[in-house]
Structures are given as structure tokens and as C-alpha cells.
């Protein structure tokens, strides 16, 4: 009989690097082609059959439950009054859920790799915990997690296992996805802010517990949506087909152009895919939407405007030539 599962989403960050976007909404609700970033994470967990999901919240936290009121899952919210870190966040979430294996993800990441494969690896290994890793890309200097030929973790940054200098180590970058048993949660400090890797993982590695790493395929999508440029990267990835089912977009034509039936396109509008015009948006006469552009619900593109690689926020009006920007509404 397989162990039961619950989900955890760490979503209590301030979103400082995404300002002024996060002055308007909490980071978990930042739209990626019309859907809150947090919903992509929720659906990655529900694909595993998980129904009980805990989410920790901090910045503009009161807005999030209402925004997710349409979800059918059993969502448990942990409102942090003081930031508790990744360890404290996991501890608070685990206290609200059944004492079962937790599949925990970071709420600010967009990814398309298969969590079923990671979960199967974790179960087969008998590990107390598994970190999901990706190999460093050519433009990245190194990975900070090292696993040996048995998939046992021997290093996590400055945290060492029992054999950190083995000659069979492979290095990876932590994706923010971890699969943890109650025993790993029990190793967290009982109170206060803490980092899960530097507390619970340090404790269990020192004890010699089985803690494994699992590499996702090299072509898998993983984006930390931490700033405006990465938000636009995520938008472009979804427009190009990543997480298409979760995005629930209007159908694309042969050029990757997606237009909601309720959107208004005036005379002479030029659309170059991949791009999307969502419900209730208006694109005025002679405007051009270039690749990578999303006109969100209720937004307007002014006559003659030329846009490329942009997000036009709901309620905003874009004018002139704009490239590689998030256009926000004027005023309060």
C-alpha cells in the first residue's frame, strides 16, 4: 500500500524584487498569462492526486484565499505574522495537515517536470527526504547540491553529509521541490525562523539518514519568477506551450495567436504569435502586438501602439512603443 500524500506550498515571500508589481498584488497571485502563479503550483500537486494542500502566506496575505475561492481542493492557509523561513514555513504547514509524506514546492517557481517520476524515485529509495534537482546550464557556474552514485546527498551548499569528498559526486541545483517524511519535519526546530536545509537536513544527514537527490530531465522547464524579467520569461514559456493545460488559454491559431471571444480587436490590428489577448481586453485600431505579449483581462492597447514581450496588466492602458516591460495601471 502506498503512503498517503499532502501538499505544501511555500508562498510567504515579500516579492521585493518584483516591485512595483507586488505593490499591486501578492507575489503568489501575479498573473502568468492570465492565471495566478500559485495556481500552476496547485495543479502540479493535484496531478499527483493530492487534495489537501497547505500554503503559508505573508505579504498581502488576506487577498489570496478569496482569489482561490473557486478551487475545489482542501486548502489550508497559514498566515505568518513574522516571516518564518523555509523551515518555519514547512513546520507551520505540516501542523495543519495529516501526518503523511509532504510534496513541498516553492510558490514562486514555474516548472513543467513530472512530479510522478520524482515521487516514484523517493518511494523506491526509502529516503527520509528527496530534493528535486536540475543540472546546471552552461551559463551557470555550478550546482550547490552534490549526490553520490547511490543518489545519496553528500552536500547542500555548506551543509555536509558523512562523505562530502567522495570522487563520484554529481552536482545539481535545487529546484525548490522536496518530498519529505514526517521524520524530516520532526527534525525542524520547534519554534522561530529557520532554513529547512540548514536545520532539518543538516540534522538528518549528520545522523546518516537516507536523503536522496533526483534529477529532472535536462530539457525541463524551471523558472524562479523572482523579478520582472523572469516573469516575462515565464509568460513566454506558457505562450509557447509550457503548462498549456494549467494555463487554460484560448485556442491558438497556426501562428500561436490566442484571442478570447470577448476581446475587442479594432480595424487594422496586427497580431504576431505567440501572443494572447484575454477576456474583455481591447486592442485599438492599428496597434501591433508582437511575440511574447499578453494583454490581460480588461486591459487596453491604444491605437497605433507597438508592443513586444510585454504584459499589459488588467486595467492598464499601453501606449507608444513598449518592449520587455510590465505595463501597470496608472494611479491608485
Protein backbone atom coordinates (compact mmCIF):
# COMPACT_ATOMS: atom_id res chain seq x y z
CA UNK A 1 0.00 0.00 0.00
CA UNK A 2 1.44 3.38 -0.98
CA UNK A 3 1.83 6.11 1.60
CA UNK A 4 -0.66 8.94 1.65
CA UNK A 5 0.35 12.38 0.41
CA UNK A 6 -0.37 16.00 1.16
CA UNK A 7 0.97 19.13 -0.49
CA UNK A 8 2.80 22.17 0.81
CA UNK A 9 3.47 25.45 -1.00
CA UNK A 10 5.93 27.93 0.48
CA UNK A 11 4.47 31.28 -0.59
CA UNK A 12 5.23 33.73 2.20
CA UNK A 13 7.90 35.83 0.49
CA UNK A 14 7.73 39.60 0.22
CA UNK A 15 8.29 39.69 -3.54
CA UNK A 16 10.70 42.61 -3.13
CA UNK A 17 12.48 42.04 -6.45
CA UNK A 18 9.14 42.14 -8.28
CA UNK A 19 8.15 45.61 -7.11
CA UNK A 20 6.19 47.61 -8.18
CA UNK A 21 4.20 44.60 -9.42
CA UNK A 22 3.97 43.23 -5.87
CA UNK A 23 2.76 46.59 -4.58
CA UNK A 24 -0.42 45.78 -6.52
CA UNK A 25 -0.82 42.13 -5.62
CA UNK A 26 0.92 39.44 -3.58
CA UNK A 27 3.55 37.50 -5.49
CA UNK A 28 1.56 34.22 -5.47
CA UNK A 29 -1.23 35.98 -7.40
CA UNK A 30 0.99 37.56 -10.07
CA UNK A 31 -0.61 36.52 -13.38
CA UNK A 32 1.25 34.30 -15.80
CA UNK A 33 -0.83 34.51 -19.00
CA UNK A 34 -3.97 35.26 -17.06
CA UNK A 35 -3.63 32.74 -14.23
CA UNK A 36 -2.09 33.35 -10.81
CA UNK A 37 1.36 31.82 -10.49
CA UNK A 38 0.18 29.96 -7.39
CA UNK A 39 -2.41 28.01 -9.38
CA UNK A 40 0.26 26.43 -11.56
CA UNK A 41 1.81 25.04 -8.38
CA UNK A 42 -1.51 23.85 -7.01
CA UNK A 43 -2.23 21.95 -10.22
CA UNK A 44 1.22 20.35 -10.23
CA UNK A 45 0.30 18.89 -6.84
CA UNK A 46 -3.24 17.87 -7.76
CA UNK A 47 -1.82 15.95 -10.72
CA UNK A 48 -0.41 13.58 -8.10
CA UNK A 49 -3.89 13.05 -6.69
CA UNK A 50 -3.20 15.39 -3.77
CA UNK A 51 -6.27 17.13 -2.35
CA UNK A 52 -5.04 18.51 0.99
CA UNK A 53 -2.62 21.40 0.40
CA UNK A 54 -1.17 23.82 2.92
CA UNK A 55 0.05 27.27 1.88
CA UNK A 56 1.90 29.76 4.06
CA UNK A 57 1.27 33.45 3.37
CA UNK A 58 2.60 36.82 4.48
CA UNK A 59 2.61 39.83 2.12
CA UNK A 60 -0.96 40.97 1.28
CA UNK A 61 -1.99 37.54 2.54
CA UNK A 62 -5.65 38.42 3.06
CA UNK A 63 -6.18 38.68 -0.71
CA UNK A 64 -5.17 35.12 -1.52
CA UNK A 65 -7.97 32.94 -0.08
CA UNK A 66 -10.63 34.96 -1.93
CA UNK A 67 -8.66 34.69 -5.19
CA UNK A 68 -8.58 30.90 -4.80
CA UNK A 69 -12.18 30.54 -3.65
CA UNK A 70 -13.10 28.70 -6.84
CA UNK A 71 -10.66 25.87 -6.15
CA UNK A 72 -12.13 22.51 -5.10
CA UNK A 73 -9.10 21.32 -3.14
CA UNK A 74 -8.92 21.42 0.65
CA UNK A 75 -6.61 24.40 1.03
CA UNK A 76 -5.20 25.20 4.46
CA UNK A 77 -3.75 28.68 4.88
CA UNK A 78 -1.05 29.52 7.41
CA UNK A 79 -0.89 33.30 7.92
CA UNK A 80 2.57 34.26 9.13
CA UNK A 81 2.78 37.45 11.19
CA UNK A 82 6.57 37.15 11.26
CA UNK A 83 8.43 35.51 8.39
CA UNK A 84 9.36 32.01 9.49
CA UNK A 85 11.76 30.99 6.71
CA UNK A 86 11.56 27.80 4.69
CA UNK A 87 11.85 25.61 7.77
CA UNK A 88 9.38 27.52 9.88
CA UNK A 89 7.04 27.73 6.92
CA UNK A 90 7.15 23.97 6.39
CA UNK A 91 6.68 23.39 10.12
CA UNK A 92 3.59 25.59 10.21
CA UNK A 93 2.06 23.95 7.16
CA UNK A 94 2.76 20.42 8.40
CA UNK A 95 0.96 21.22 11.67
CA UNK A 96 -2.24 21.89 9.70
CA UNK A 97 -2.11 18.72 7.60
CA UNK A 98 -2.29 14.97 8.24
CA UNK A 99 0.98 13.37 9.36
CA UNK A 100 1.88 11.99 5.93
CA UNK A 101 4.53 12.42 3.24
CA UNK A 102 4.56 16.02 2.00
CA UNK A 103 5.33 17.11 -1.53
CA UNK A 104 6.56 20.66 -0.97
CA UNK A 105 7.17 23.26 -3.67
CA UNK A 106 8.19 26.89 -3.77
CA UNK A 107 5.29 29.14 -4.69
CA UNK A 108 7.39 31.42 -6.89
CA UNK A 109 8.53 28.80 -9.42
CA UNK A 110 7.07 27.72 -12.74
CA UNK A 111 8.06 24.23 -13.82
CA UNK A 112 6.84 21.50 -16.15
CA UNK A 113 8.73 18.42 -14.97
CA UNK A 114 6.83 15.33 -13.90
CA UNK A 115 6.41 15.04 -10.14
CA UNK A 116 5.27 11.44 -10.58
CA UNK A 117 8.81 10.46 -11.55
CA UNK A 118 10.31 12.24 -8.54
CA UNK A 119 7.77 10.64 -6.22
CA UNK A 120 8.44 7.16 -7.62
CA UNK A 121 12.18 7.69 -7.07
CA UNK A 122 11.56 8.84 -3.49
CA UNK A 123 9.39 5.86 -2.67
CA UNK A 124 11.79 3.36 -4.21
CA UNK A 125 14.75 4.84 -2.33
CA UNK A 126 13.20 4.57 1.12
CA UNK A 127 14.56 8.06 1.82
CA UNK A 128 13.56 10.36 4.66
CA UNK A 129 13.54 13.16 2.10
CA UNK A 130 14.30 13.81 -1.57
CA UNK A 131 15.45 17.05 -3.15
CA UNK A 132 14.47 17.52 -6.79
CA UNK A 133 17.44 18.87 -8.76
CA UNK A 134 18.33 20.13 -12.21
CA UNK A 135 21.73 20.11 -13.84
CA UNK A 136 23.47 23.48 -14.14
CA UNK A 137 23.11 25.15 -17.53
CA UNK A 138 26.19 26.30 -19.46
CA UNK A 139 25.79 29.89 -18.21
CA UNK A 140 25.64 28.78 -14.56
CA UNK A 141 28.91 28.20 -12.68
CA UNK A 142 28.00 25.21 -10.55
CA UNK A 143 25.37 23.32 -8.63
CA UNK A 144 25.38 23.50 -4.85
CA UNK A 145 23.87 20.10 -4.11
CA UNK A 146 26.07 17.01 -4.51
CA UNK A 147 24.85 13.43 -4.68
CA UNK A 148 26.87 10.25 -4.95
CA UNK A 149 26.40 7.25 -7.24
CA UNK A 150 23.71 5.86 -4.90
CA UNK A 151 21.78 9.18 -5.15
CA UNK A 152 22.59 9.94 -1.52
CA UNK A 153 23.04 13.64 -0.85
CA UNK A 154 26.52 14.44 0.44
CA UNK A 155 26.47 18.25 0.27
CA UNK A 156 23.89 21.02 0.31
CA UNK A 157 25.89 24.24 -0.01
CA UNK A 158 27.89 24.39 3.25
CA UNK A 159 25.90 21.54 4.83
CA UNK A 160 27.83 18.28 4.56
CA UNK A 161 26.79 14.67 4.73
CA UNK A 162 29.07 11.96 6.02
CA UNK A 163 31.19 11.63 2.85
CA UNK A 164 31.28 15.10 1.25
CA UNK A 165 34.54 14.50 -0.63
CA UNK A 166 33.72 11.29 -2.50
CA UNK A 167 35.05 11.10 -6.04
CA UNK A 168 31.71 10.01 -7.56
CA UNK A 169 29.75 13.16 -6.79
CA UNK A 170 27.34 14.76 -9.27
CA UNK A 171 26.26 18.35 -8.75
CA UNK A 172 22.85 19.90 -9.23
CA UNK A 173 20.76 22.98 -8.49
CA UNK A 174 17.84 22.67 -6.09
CA UNK A 175 14.50 23.40 -7.81
CA UNK A 176 12.62 24.15 -4.59
CA UNK A 177 10.70 20.85 -4.83
CA UNK A 178 11.22 18.46 -1.94
CA UNK A 179 9.47 15.30 -0.82
CA UNK A 180 9.65 14.91 2.94
CA UNK A 181 8.57 12.38 5.51
CA UNK A 182 7.24 13.27 8.96
CA UNK A 183 10.68 12.34 10.35
CA UNK A 184 12.26 15.19 8.40
CA UNK A 185 9.63 17.62 9.67
CA UNK A 186 10.26 16.40 13.22
CA UNK A 187 13.91 17.47 12.87
CA UNK A 188 12.92 21.13 12.46
CA UNK A 189 13.37 23.48 15.44
CA UNK A 190 10.18 23.70 17.49
CA UNK A 191 9.84 27.47 17.07
CA UNK A 192 11.34 30.50 15.38
CA UNK A 193 12.60 31.38 11.91
CA UNK A 194 14.80 28.76 10.27
CA UNK A 195 16.05 27.42 6.97
CA UNK A 196 14.96 23.84 6.32
CA UNK A 197 18.21 22.85 4.59
CA UNK A 198 20.44 24.22 7.36
CA UNK A 199 18.42 22.71 10.20
CA UNK A 200 16.40 19.57 9.47
CA UNK A 201 18.53 18.40 6.54
CA UNK A 202 21.76 19.08 8.45
CA UNK A 203 20.44 17.11 11.40
CA UNK A 204 19.31 14.10 9.37
CA UNK A 205 22.44 14.00 7.18
CA UNK A 206 24.61 14.06 10.30
CA UNK A 207 22.60 11.15 11.63
CA UNK A 208 23.29 9.18 8.46
CA UNK A 209 19.70 9.08 7.24
CA UNK A 210 18.92 8.24 3.64
CA UNK A 211 18.30 11.56 1.85
CA UNK A 212 18.37 11.47 -1.91
CA UNK A 213 18.53 13.74 -4.92
CA UNK A 214 16.54 13.28 -8.11
CA UNK A 215 17.48 14.98 -11.39
CA UNK A 216 14.77 16.26 -13.72
CA UNK A 217 15.33 15.95 -17.49
CA UNK A 218 17.78 18.46 -18.94
CA UNK A 219 15.08 19.97 -21.18
CA UNK A 220 12.60 20.50 -18.33
CA UNK A 221 11.30 24.00 -17.68
CA UNK A 222 12.15 25.60 -14.36
CA UNK A 223 11.90 29.34 -13.73
CA UNK A 224 12.22 31.26 -10.49
CA UNK A 225 9.71 34.05 -11.13
CA UNK A 226 11.60 36.47 -8.94
CA UNK A 227 11.76 39.67 -10.96
CA UNK A 228 10.11 41.37 -13.93
CA UNK A 229 12.43 39.75 -16.50
CA UNK A 230 11.74 36.28 -15.12
CA UNK A 231 8.00 36.95 -15.08
CA UNK A 232 8.19 37.77 -18.78
CA UNK A 233 10.29 34.62 -19.33
CA UNK A 234 7.55 32.58 -17.66
CA UNK A 235 4.90 34.28 -19.76
CA UNK A 236 6.82 33.48 -22.93
CA UNK A 237 7.24 29.85 -21.90
CA UNK A 238 3.50 29.42 -21.34
CA UNK A 239 2.68 31.15 -24.63
CA UNK A 240 5.00 28.65 -26.31
CA UNK A 241 3.08 25.72 -24.83
CA UNK A 242 4.56 25.02 -21.41
CA UNK A 243 1.89 24.12 -18.83
CA UNK A 244 -0.74 24.68 -21.53
CA UNK A 245 -3.40 22.64 -19.73
CA UNK A 246 -2.91 24.54 -16.48
CA UNK A 247 -2.96 27.90 -18.28
CA UNK A 248 -6.43 27.27 -19.79
CA UNK A 249 -5.80 29.67 -22.64
CA UNK A 250 -7.96 30.49 -25.65
CA UNK A 251 -7.15 28.22 -28.58
CA UNK A 252 -4.15 29.24 -30.68
CA UNK A 253 -4.20 29.75 -34.41
CA UNK A 254 -1.43 28.43 -36.67
CA UNK A 255 0.83 31.34 -35.68
CA UNK A 256 0.32 30.97 -31.93
CA UNK A 257 -2.11 33.89 -31.61
CA UNK A 258 -4.71 33.45 -28.86
CA UNK A 259 -7.72 35.77 -28.62
CA UNK A 260 -10.58 35.38 -26.19
CA UNK A 261 -14.00 35.63 -27.88
CA UNK A 262 -14.96 38.56 -25.61
CA UNK A 263 -11.88 40.63 -26.53
CA UNK A 264 -12.29 43.58 -28.92
CA UNK A 265 -9.89 43.96 -31.86
CA UNK A 266 -10.42 47.15 -33.83
CA UNK A 267 -9.56 47.71 -37.51
CA UNK A 268 -6.01 47.23 -38.68
CA UNK A 269 -4.73 45.40 -35.60
CA UNK A 270 -1.69 43.19 -36.25
CA UNK A 271 -1.05 40.16 -34.05
CA UNK A 272 2.19 38.19 -34.21
CA UNK A 273 2.37 35.00 -32.20
CA UNK A 274 2.94 33.77 -29.74
CA UNK A 275 0.73 36.32 -28.04
CA UNK A 276 -2.60 36.43 -26.20
CA UNK A 277 -5.48 38.88 -25.80
CA UNK A 278 -7.59 37.80 -22.84
CA UNK A 279 -11.23 38.29 -21.88
CA UNK A 280 -12.59 41.82 -22.07
CA UNK A 281 -9.34 43.31 -23.36
CA UNK A 282 -9.44 45.99 -26.09
CA UNK A 283 -6.82 46.48 -28.81
CA UNK A 284 -7.49 49.73 -30.61
CA UNK A 285 -7.09 50.46 -34.31
CA UNK A 286 -3.72 49.96 -35.94
CA UNK A 287 -1.97 48.56 -32.86
CA UNK A 288 0.65 45.84 -33.23
CA UNK A 289 1.16 43.05 -30.70
CA UNK A 290 4.48 41.34 -31.21
CA UNK A 291 5.68 37.95 -29.93
CA UNK A 292 5.64 37.36 -26.19
CA UNK A 293 2.89 39.87 -25.45
CA UNK A 294 -0.13 39.30 -23.23
CA UNK A 295 -2.99 41.79 -22.90
CA UNK A 296 -4.61 40.73 -19.65
CA UNK A 297 -8.31 40.84 -18.81
CA UNK A 298 -9.83 44.29 -19.14
CA UNK A 299 -6.58 45.90 -20.32
CA UNK A 300 -6.37 48.28 -23.29
CA UNK A 301 -3.81 48.77 -26.03
CA UNK A 302 -4.04 52.27 -27.50
CA UNK A 303 -4.40 52.94 -31.20
CA UNK A 304 -1.09 52.66 -33.03
CA UNK A 305 0.81 51.20 -30.08
CA UNK A 306 3.59 48.70 -30.81
CA UNK A 307 4.28 46.09 -28.16
CA UNK A 308 6.66 43.16 -27.87
CA UNK A 309 7.48 40.89 -24.93
CA UNK A 310 5.08 42.76 -22.66
CA UNK A 311 2.46 42.09 -20.06
CA UNK A 312 -0.33 44.66 -20.08
CA UNK A 313 -1.81 44.38 -16.61
CA UNK A 314 -5.53 44.11 -16.06
CA UNK A 315 -6.95 47.63 -16.12
CA UNK A 316 -3.82 49.18 -17.62
CA UNK A 317 -3.55 51.11 -20.90
CA UNK A 318 -0.46 50.67 -23.07
CA UNK A 319 0.61 53.44 -25.43
CA UNK A 320 3.51 54.05 -27.79
CA UNK A 321 6.34 51.59 -28.31
CA UNK A 322 6.94 49.21 -25.41
CA UNK A 323 9.31 46.24 -25.26
CA UNK A 324 10.20 43.89 -22.41
CA UNK A 325 8.06 45.52 -19.73
CA UNK A 326 5.12 45.00 -17.44
CA UNK A 327 2.70 47.91 -18.01
CA UNK A 328 0.77 48.65 -14.83
CA UNK A 329 -2.37 50.75 -14.29
CA UNK A 330 -1.86 54.44 -13.56
CA UNK A 331 -2.73 55.82 -10.17
CA UNK A 332 -4.05 54.12 -7.04
